[in-house]
Full PDB file with SEQRES, HELIX, SHEET, SSBOND, CRYST1, ORIGX, SCALE, CONECT and MASTER records, all heavy atoms in Angstrom:
SEQRES   1 A   31  VAL TYR PRO ILE ILE LEU THR PRO THR LYS CYS GLY TYR          
SEQRES   2 A   31  VAL VAL SER VAL PRO ASP LEU ASP ILE ASP THR GLN GLY          
SEQRES   3 A   31  LYS ASP ILE ALA GLU                                          
SHEET    1 AA1 3 ILE A   5  PRO A   8  0                                        
SHEET    2 AA1 3 TYR A  13  VAL A  17 -1                                        
SHEET    3 AA1 3 ILE A  22  GLY A  26 -1                                        
CRYST1    1.000    1.000    1.000  90.00  90.00  90.00 P 1           1          
ORIGX1      1.000000  0.000000  0.000000        0.00000                         
ORIGX2      0.000000  1.000000  0.000000        0.00000                         
ORIGX3      0.000000  0.000000  1.000000        0.00000                         
SCALE1      1.000000  0.000000  0.000000        0.00000                         
SCALE2      0.000000  1.000000  0.000000        0.00000                         
SCALE3      0.000000  0.000000  1.000000        0.00000                         
ATOM      1  N   VAL A   1       0.887  -1.186  -0.101  1.00  0.00           N  
ATOM      2  CA  VAL A   1       0.063  -0.051   0.015  1.00  0.00           C  
ATOM      3  C   VAL A   1       0.812   1.217   0.021  1.00  0.00           C  
ATOM      4  O   VAL A   1       1.671   1.476   1.000  1.00  0.00           O  
ATOM      5  CB  VAL A   1      -0.959   0.082   1.195  1.00  0.00           C  
ATOM      6  CG1 VAL A   1      -1.814   1.238   1.219  1.00  0.00           C  
ATOM      7  CG2 VAL A   1      -1.797  -1.276   1.275  1.00  0.00           C  
ATOM      8  N   TYR A   2       0.841   1.882  -1.136  1.00  0.00           N  
ATOM      9  CA  TYR A   2       1.681   3.101  -1.198  1.00  0.00           C  
ATOM     10  C   TYR A   2       0.863   4.491  -1.102  1.00  0.00           C  
ATOM     11  O   TYR A   2      -0.233   4.498  -1.588  1.00  0.00           O  
ATOM     12  CB  TYR A   2       2.330   3.082  -2.612  1.00  0.00           C  
ATOM     13  CG  TYR A   2       3.418   2.163  -2.835  1.00  0.00           C  
ATOM     14  CD1 TYR A   2       3.113   0.824  -3.318  1.00  0.00           C  
ATOM     15  CD2 TYR A   2       4.842   2.450  -2.482  1.00  0.00           C  
ATOM     16  CE1 TYR A   2       4.205  -0.087  -3.431  1.00  0.00           C  
ATOM     17  CE2 TYR A   2       5.667   1.429  -2.624  1.00  0.00           C  
ATOM     18  CZ  TYR A   2       5.519   0.258  -3.210  1.00  0.00           C  
ATOM     19  OH  TYR A   2       6.407  -0.721  -3.268  1.00  0.00           O  
ATOM     20  N   PRO A   3       1.468   5.435  -0.428  1.00  0.00           N  
ATOM     21  CA  PRO A   3       0.810   6.711  -0.309  1.00  0.00           C  
ATOM     22  C   PRO A   3       0.912   7.420  -1.586  1.00  0.00           C  
ATOM     23  O   PRO A   3       2.007   7.388  -2.324  1.00  0.00           O  
ATOM     24  CB  PRO A   3       1.549   7.314   0.894  1.00  0.00           C  
ATOM     25  CG  PRO A   3       2.905   6.777   0.871  1.00  0.00           C  
ATOM     26  CD  PRO A   3       2.786   5.362   0.366  1.00  0.00           C  
ATOM     27  N   ILE A   4      -0.082   8.304  -1.889  1.00  0.00           N  
ATOM     28  CA  ILE A   4      -0.039   9.040  -3.076  1.00  0.00           C  
ATOM     29  C   ILE A   4      -0.568  10.492  -2.633  1.00  0.00           C  
ATOM     30  O   ILE A   4      -1.195  10.612  -1.713  1.00  0.00           O  
ATOM     31  CB  ILE A   4      -0.943   8.526  -4.232  1.00  0.00           C  
ATOM     32  CG1 ILE A   4      -2.472   8.522  -3.854  1.00  0.00           C  
ATOM     33  CG2 ILE A   4      -0.506   7.240  -4.776  1.00  0.00           C  
ATOM     34  CD1 ILE A   4      -3.389   8.245  -5.031  1.00  0.00           C  
ATOM     35  N   ILE A   5      -0.015  11.452  -3.337  1.00  0.00           N  
ATOM     36  CA  ILE A   5      -0.493  12.891  -3.164  1.00  0.00           C  
ATOM     37  C   ILE A   5      -1.192  13.250  -4.460  1.00  0.00           C  
ATOM     38  O   ILE A   5      -0.750  13.047  -5.575  1.00  0.00           O  
ATOM     39  CB  ILE A   5       0.672  13.683  -2.975  1.00  0.00           C  
ATOM     40  CG1 ILE A   5       1.444  13.308  -1.768  1.00  0.00           C  
ATOM     41  CG2 ILE A   5       0.249  15.217  -2.778  1.00  0.00           C  
ATOM     42  CD1 ILE A   5       2.782  14.001  -1.533  1.00  0.00           C  
ATOM     43  N   LEU A   6      -2.548  13.680  -4.259  1.00  0.00           N  
ATOM     44  CA  LEU A   6      -3.321  14.271  -5.298  1.00  0.00           C  
ATOM     45  C   LEU A   6      -3.383  15.711  -5.305  1.00  0.00           C  
ATOM     46  O   LEU A   6      -3.855  16.323  -4.238  1.00  0.00           O  
ATOM     47  CB  LEU A   6      -4.719  13.640  -5.211  1.00  0.00           C  
ATOM     48  CG  LEU A   6      -4.870  12.210  -5.312  1.00  0.00           C  
ATOM     49  CD1 LEU A   6      -5.140  11.538  -3.983  1.00  0.00           C  
ATOM     50  CD2 LEU A   6      -5.891  11.881  -6.288  1.00  0.00           C  
ATOM     51  N   THR A   7      -2.882  16.352  -6.323  1.00  0.00           N  
ATOM     52  CA  THR A   7      -2.888  17.822  -6.443  1.00  0.00           C  
ATOM     53  C   THR A   7      -3.929  18.323  -7.337  1.00  0.00           C  
ATOM     54  O   THR A   7      -3.882  17.965  -8.661  1.00  0.00           O  
ATOM     55  CB  THR A   7      -1.548  18.336  -6.908  1.00  0.00           C  
ATOM     56  OG1 THR A   7      -0.445  17.860  -6.036  1.00  0.00           O  
ATOM     57  CG2 THR A   7      -1.389  19.761  -6.879  1.00  0.00           C  
ATOM     58  N   PRO A   8      -4.977  19.035  -6.922  1.00  0.00           N  
ATOM     59  CA  PRO A   8      -5.960  19.475  -7.724  1.00  0.00           C  
ATOM     60  C   PRO A   8      -5.371  20.437  -8.877  1.00  0.00           C  
ATOM     61  O   PRO A   8      -4.570  21.333  -8.547  1.00  0.00           O  
ATOM     62  CB  PRO A   8      -7.023  20.275  -6.912  1.00  0.00           C  
ATOM     63  CG  PRO A   8      -6.622  20.002  -5.429  1.00  0.00           C  
ATOM     64  CD  PRO A   8      -5.158  19.546  -5.549  1.00  0.00           C  
ATOM     65  N   THR A   9      -5.973  20.367 -10.105  1.00  0.00           N  
ATOM     66  CA  THR A   9      -5.606  21.240 -11.251  1.00  0.00           C  
ATOM     67  C   THR A   9      -6.959  21.633 -11.905  1.00  0.00           C  
ATOM     68  O   THR A   9      -8.009  21.135 -11.518  1.00  0.00           O  
ATOM     69  CB  THR A   9      -4.692  20.623 -12.301  1.00  0.00           C  
ATOM     70  OG1 THR A   9      -5.331  19.502 -12.810  1.00  0.00           O  
ATOM     71  CG2 THR A   9      -3.461  20.127 -11.628  1.00  0.00           C  
ATOM     72  N   LYS A  10      -6.777  22.515 -12.864  1.00  0.00           N  
ATOM     73  CA  LYS A  10      -8.050  22.956 -13.612  1.00  0.00           C  
ATOM     74  C   LYS A  10      -8.645  21.688 -14.333  1.00  0.00           C  
ATOM     75  O   LYS A  10      -9.807  21.730 -14.612  1.00  0.00           O  
ATOM     76  CB  LYS A  10      -7.764  24.028 -14.713  1.00  0.00           C  
ATOM     77  CG  LYS A  10      -7.450  25.254 -13.995  1.00  0.00           C  
ATOM     78  CD  LYS A  10      -7.298  26.348 -15.070  1.00  0.00           C  
ATOM     79  CE  LYS A  10      -5.898  26.390 -15.537  1.00  0.00           C  
ATOM     80  NZ  LYS A  10      -5.501  27.448 -16.547  1.00  0.00           N  
ATOM     81  N   CYS A  11      -7.792  20.732 -14.791  1.00  0.00           N  
ATOM     82  CA  CYS A  11      -8.292  19.654 -15.573  1.00  0.00           C  
ATOM     83  C   CYS A  11      -8.577  18.317 -14.716  1.00  0.00           C  
ATOM     84  O   CYS A  11      -8.697  17.320 -15.286  1.00  0.00           O  
ATOM     85  CB  CYS A  11      -7.179  19.351 -16.638  1.00  0.00           C  
ATOM     86  SG  CYS A  11      -7.014  20.755 -17.778  1.00  0.00           S  
ATOM     87  N   GLY A  12      -8.241  18.308 -13.482  1.00  0.00           N  
ATOM     88  CA  GLY A  12      -8.437  17.211 -12.659  1.00  0.00           C  
ATOM     89  C   GLY A  12      -7.403  17.114 -11.526  1.00  0.00           C  
ATOM     90  O   GLY A  12      -7.379  18.062 -10.740  1.00  0.00           O  
ATOM     91  N   TYR A  13      -6.645  16.048 -11.477  1.00  0.00           N  
ATOM     92  CA  TYR A  13      -5.664  15.874 -10.470  1.00  0.00           C  
ATOM     93  C   TYR A  13      -4.314  15.298 -11.012  1.00  0.00           C  
ATOM     94  O   TYR A  13      -4.346  14.407 -11.764  1.00  0.00           O  
ATOM     95  CB  TYR A  13      -6.091  14.809  -9.466  1.00  0.00           C  
ATOM     96  CG  TYR A  13      -7.356  15.412  -8.553  1.00  0.00           C  
ATOM     97  CD1 TYR A  13      -8.601  15.184  -8.952  1.00  0.00           C  
ATOM     98  CD2 TYR A  13      -7.120  16.018  -7.415  1.00  0.00           C  
ATOM     99  CE1 TYR A  13      -9.704  15.686  -8.368  1.00  0.00           C  
ATOM    100  CE2 TYR A  13      -8.147  16.456  -6.682  1.00  0.00           C  
ATOM    101  CZ  TYR A  13      -9.533  16.376  -7.104  1.00  0.00           C  
ATOM    102  OH  TYR A  13     -10.473  16.845  -6.393  1.00  0.00           O  
ATOM    103  N   VAL A  14      -3.320  15.899 -10.501  1.00  0.00           N  
ATOM    104  CA  VAL A  14      -1.898  15.349 -10.756  1.00  0.00           C  
ATOM    105  C   VAL A  14      -1.661  14.455  -9.575  1.00  0.00           C  
ATOM    106  O   VAL A  14      -1.880  14.823  -8.414  1.00  0.00           O  
ATOM    107  CB  VAL A  14      -0.867  16.377 -10.862  1.00  0.00           C  
ATOM    108  CG1 VAL A  14       0.553  15.850 -10.934  1.00  0.00           C  
ATOM    109  CG2 VAL A  14      -1.129  17.253 -12.208  1.00  0.00           C  
ATOM    110  N   VAL A  15      -1.096  13.263  -9.798  1.00  0.00           N  
ATOM    111  CA  VAL A  15      -0.779  12.266  -8.721  1.00  0.00           C  
ATOM    112  C   VAL A  15       0.655  12.116  -8.645  1.00  0.00           C  
ATOM    113  O   VAL A  15       1.310  11.766  -9.689  1.00  0.00           O  
ATOM    114  CB  VAL A  15      -1.675  10.986  -9.023  1.00  0.00           C  
ATOM    115  CG1 VAL A  15      -1.319   9.981  -7.926  1.00  0.00           C  
ATOM    116  CG2 VAL A  15      -3.003  11.087  -9.271  1.00  0.00           C  
ATOM    117  N   SER A  16       1.166  12.149  -7.473  1.00  0.00           N  
ATOM    118  CA  SER A  16       2.543  11.864  -7.237  1.00  0.00           C  
ATOM    119  C   SER A  16       2.657  10.601  -6.285  1.00  0.00           C  
ATOM    120  O   SER A  16       1.844  10.559  -5.385  1.00  0.00           O  
ATOM    121  CB  SER A  16       3.140  13.075  -6.426  1.00  0.00           C  
ATOM    122  OG  SER A  16       4.441  12.749  -6.119  1.00  0.00           O  
ATOM    123  N   VAL A  17       3.518   9.742  -6.606  1.00  0.00           N  
ATOM    124  CA  VAL A  17       3.916   8.705  -5.740  1.00  0.00           C  
ATOM    125  C   VAL A  17       5.204   8.789  -5.177  1.00  0.00           C  
ATOM    126  O   VAL A  17       6.261   8.460  -5.860  1.00  0.00           O  
ATOM    127  CB  VAL A  17       3.791   7.285  -6.586  1.00  0.00           C  
ATOM    128  CG1 VAL A  17       3.846   6.123  -5.603  1.00  0.00           C  
ATOM    129  CG2 VAL A  17       2.451   7.213  -7.333  1.00  0.00           C  
ATOM    130  N   PRO A  18       5.414   9.462  -4.041  1.00  0.00           N  
ATOM    131  CA  PRO A  18       6.720   9.863  -3.612  1.00  0.00           C  
ATOM    132  C   PRO A  18       7.699   8.791  -3.381  1.00  0.00           C  
ATOM    133  O   PRO A  18       8.898   8.888  -3.736  1.00  0.00           O  
ATOM    134  CB  PRO A  18       6.497  10.558  -2.220  1.00  0.00           C  
ATOM    135  CG  PRO A  18       4.966  10.790  -2.287  1.00  0.00           C  
ATOM    136  CD  PRO A  18       4.358   9.911  -3.186  1.00  0.00           C  
ATOM    137  N   ASP A  19       7.251   7.589  -2.911  1.00  0.00           N  
ATOM    138  CA  ASP A  19       8.086   6.464  -2.675  1.00  0.00           C  
ATOM    139  C   ASP A  19       8.706   5.950  -3.929  1.00  0.00           C  
ATOM    140  O   ASP A  19       9.824   5.324  -3.850  1.00  0.00           O  
ATOM    141  CB  ASP A  19       7.289   5.358  -1.978  1.00  0.00           C  
ATOM    142  CG  ASP A  19       6.798   5.561  -0.612  1.00  0.00           C  
ATOM    143  OD1 ASP A  19       7.551   6.501   0.098  1.00  0.00           O  
ATOM    144  OD2 ASP A  19       5.964   4.988  -0.134  1.00  0.00           O  
ATOM    145  N   LEU A  20       8.103   6.168  -5.069  1.00  0.00           N  
ATOM    146  CA  LEU A  20       8.626   5.585  -6.285  1.00  0.00           C  
ATOM    147  C   LEU A  20       9.035   6.647  -7.273  1.00  0.00           C  
ATOM    148  O   LEU A  20       9.534   6.363  -8.391  1.00  0.00           O  
ATOM    149  CB  LEU A  20       7.587   4.682  -6.922  1.00  0.00           C  
ATOM    150  CG  LEU A  20       7.024   3.672  -6.076  1.00  0.00           C  
ATOM    151  CD1 LEU A  20       5.921   2.757  -6.745  1.00  0.00           C  
ATOM    152  CD2 LEU A  20       8.000   2.688  -5.488  1.00  0.00           C  
ATOM    153  N   ASP A  21       8.878   7.946  -6.903  1.00  0.00           N  
ATOM    154  CA  ASP A  21       9.237   8.970  -7.792  1.00  0.00           C  
ATOM    155  C   ASP A  21       8.519   8.872  -9.211  1.00  0.00           C  
ATOM    156  O   ASP A  21       9.215   9.150 -10.252  1.00  0.00           O  
ATOM    157  CB  ASP A  21      10.737   9.052  -7.908  1.00  0.00           C  
ATOM    158  CG  ASP A  21      11.187  10.573  -8.405  1.00  0.00           C  
ATOM    159  OD1 ASP A  21      10.470  11.457  -8.119  1.00  0.00           O  
ATOM    160  OD2 ASP A  21      12.275  10.596  -9.084  1.00  0.00           O  
ATOM    161  N   ILE A  22       7.253   8.629  -9.211  1.00  0.00           N  
ATOM    162  CA  ILE A  22       6.602   8.582 -10.457  1.00  0.00           C  
ATOM    163  C   ILE A  22       5.279   9.507 -10.341  1.00  0.00           C  
ATOM    164  O   ILE A  22       4.880   9.756  -9.136  1.00  0.00           O  
ATOM    165  CB  ILE A  22       6.167   7.211 -10.909  1.00  0.00           C  
ATOM    166  CG1 ILE A  22       5.208   6.422  -9.767  1.00  0.00           C  
ATOM    167  CG2 ILE A  22       7.352   6.389 -11.165  1.00  0.00           C  
ATOM    168  CD1 ILE A  22       4.910   5.096 -10.230  1.00  0.00           C  
ATOM    169  N   ASP A  23       4.744   9.941 -11.424  1.00  0.00           N  
ATOM    170  CA  ASP A  23       3.691  10.781 -11.449  1.00  0.00           C  
ATOM    171  C   ASP A  23       2.686  10.265 -12.607  1.00  0.00           C  
ATOM    172  O   ASP A  23       3.010   9.618 -13.480  1.00  0.00           O  
ATOM    173  CB  ASP A  23       3.997  12.228 -11.755  1.00  0.00           C  
ATOM    174  CG  ASP A  23       4.977  12.845 -10.634  1.00  0.00           C  
ATOM    175  OD1 ASP A  23       4.647  12.792  -9.508  1.00  0.00           O  
ATOM    176  OD2 ASP A  23       5.994  13.434 -11.218  1.00  0.00           O  
ATOM    177  N   THR A  24       1.384  10.562 -12.329  1.00  0.00           N  
ATOM    178  CA  THR A  24       0.342  10.415 -13.279  1.00  0.00           C  
ATOM    179  C   THR A  24      -0.681  11.442 -13.176  1.00  0.00           C  
ATOM    180  O   THR A  24      -0.519  12.443 -12.353  1.00  0.00           O  
ATOM    181  CB  THR A  24      -0.194   8.915 -13.273  1.00  0.00           C  
ATOM    182  OG1 THR A  24      -1.042   8.685 -14.363  1.00  0.00           O  
ATOM    183  CG2 THR A  24      -0.829   8.626 -11.966  1.00  0.00           C  
ATOM    184  N   GLN A  25      -1.922  11.285 -13.674  1.00  0.00           N  
ATOM    185  CA  GLN A  25      -2.978  12.201 -13.615  1.00  0.00           C  
ATOM    186  C   GLN A  25      -4.400  11.509 -13.842  1.00  0.00           C  
ATOM    187  O   GLN A  25      -4.384  10.467 -14.298  1.00  0.00           O  
ATOM    188  CB  GLN A  25      -2.749  13.379 -14.476  1.00  0.00           C  
ATOM    189  CG  GLN A  25      -2.783  13.048 -16.004  1.00  0.00           C  
ATOM    190  CD  GLN A  25      -2.390  14.164 -16.861  1.00  0.00           C  
ATOM    191  OE1 GLN A  25      -1.845  15.153 -16.455  1.00  0.00           O  
ATOM    192  NE2 GLN A  25      -2.796  14.161 -18.087  1.00  0.00           N  
ATOM    193  N   GLY A  26      -5.346  12.220 -13.548  1.00  0.00           N  
ATOM    194  CA  GLY A  26      -6.703  11.728 -13.694  1.00  0.00           C  
ATOM    195  C   GLY A  26      -7.658  12.946 -13.782  1.00  0.00           C  
ATOM    196  O   GLY A  26      -7.511  13.974 -13.176  1.00  0.00           O  
ATOM    197  N   LYS A  27      -8.839  12.675 -14.455  1.00  0.00           N  
ATOM    198  CA  LYS A  27      -9.684  13.820 -14.513  1.00  0.00           C  
ATOM    199  C   LYS A  27     -10.588  14.039 -13.321  1.00  0.00           C  
ATOM    200  O   LYS A  27     -11.245  15.100 -13.053  1.00  0.00           O  
ATOM    201  CB  LYS A  27     -10.741  13.584 -15.808  1.00  0.00           C  
ATOM    202  CG  LYS A  27     -11.676  12.478 -15.592  1.00  0.00           C  
ATOM    203  CD  LYS A  27     -12.448  12.354 -16.870  1.00  0.00           C  
ATOM    204  CE  LYS A  27     -13.568  11.213 -16.685  1.00  0.00           C  
ATOM    205  NZ  LYS A  27     -13.440   9.933 -17.099  1.00  0.00           N  
ATOM    206  N   ASP A  28     -10.685  13.038 -12.458  1.00  0.00           N  
ATOM    207  CA  ASP A  28     -11.389  13.147 -11.239  1.00  0.00           C  
ATOM    208  C   ASP A  28     -10.656  12.269 -10.141  1.00  0.00           C  
ATOM    209  O   ASP A  28      -9.549  11.586 -10.486  1.00  0.00           O  
ATOM    210  CB  ASP A  28     -12.835  12.728 -11.241  1.00  0.00           C  
ATOM    211  CG  ASP A  28     -13.093  11.414 -11.860  1.00  0.00           C  
ATOM    212  OD1 ASP A  28     -12.208  10.412 -11.680  1.00  0.00           O  
ATOM    213  OD2 ASP A  28     -14.094  11.354 -12.563  1.00  0.00           O  
ATOM    214  N   ILE A  29     -11.162  12.224  -8.916  1.00  0.00           N  
ATOM    215  CA  ILE A  29     -10.289  11.483  -7.918  1.00  0.00           C  
ATOM    216  C   ILE A  29     -10.386   9.982  -8.249  1.00  0.00           C  
ATOM    217  O   ILE A  29      -9.345   9.251  -8.129  1.00  0.00           O  
ATOM    218  CB  ILE A  29     -10.986  11.652  -6.497  1.00  0.00           C  
ATOM    219  CG1 ILE A  29     -10.637  13.121  -6.027  1.00  0.00           C  
ATOM    220  CG2 ILE A  29     -10.333  10.750  -5.400  1.00  0.00           C  
ATOM    221  CD1 ILE A  29     -11.172  13.604  -4.777  1.00  0.00           C  
ATOM    222  N   ALA A  30     -11.477   9.394  -8.706  1.00  0.00           N  
ATOM    223  CA  ALA A  30     -11.593   8.001  -9.034  1.00  0.00           C  
ATOM    224  C   ALA A  30     -10.511   7.632 -10.013  1.00  0.00           C  
ATOM    225  O   ALA A  30      -9.903   6.665  -9.930  1.00  0.00           O  
ATOM    226  CB  ALA A  30     -12.927   7.606  -9.311  1.00  0.00           C  
ATOM    227  N   GLU A  31     -10.614   8.410 -11.090  1.00  0.00           N  
ATOM    228  CA  GLU A  31      -9.645   8.103 -12.238  1.00  0.00           C  
ATOM    229  C   GLU A  31      -8.297   8.351 -11.694  1.00  0.00           C  
ATOM    230  O   GLU A  31      -7.260   7.624 -12.158  1.00  0.00           O  
ATOM    231  CB  GLU A  31      -9.983   9.034 -13.447  1.00  0.00           C  
ATOM    232  CG  GLU A  31      -9.059   8.616 -14.649  1.00  0.00           C  
ATOM    233  CD  GLU A  31      -9.407   9.479 -15.866  1.00  0.00           C  
ATOM    234  OE1 GLU A  31     -10.248   8.962 -16.657  1.00  0.00           O  
ATOM    235  OE2 GLU A  31      -8.817  10.421 -16.173  1.00  0.00           O  
TER     236      GLU A  31                                                      
MASTER        0    0    0    0    3    0    0    6  235    1    0    3          
END                                                                             
């Protein structure tokens, strides 16, 4: 179970996975 940080943007959320130094994004929290 990895912690993630969701940063709100105009288009949804940028997601950071600090333990693994990777990022992704989604249009809403579920995505």
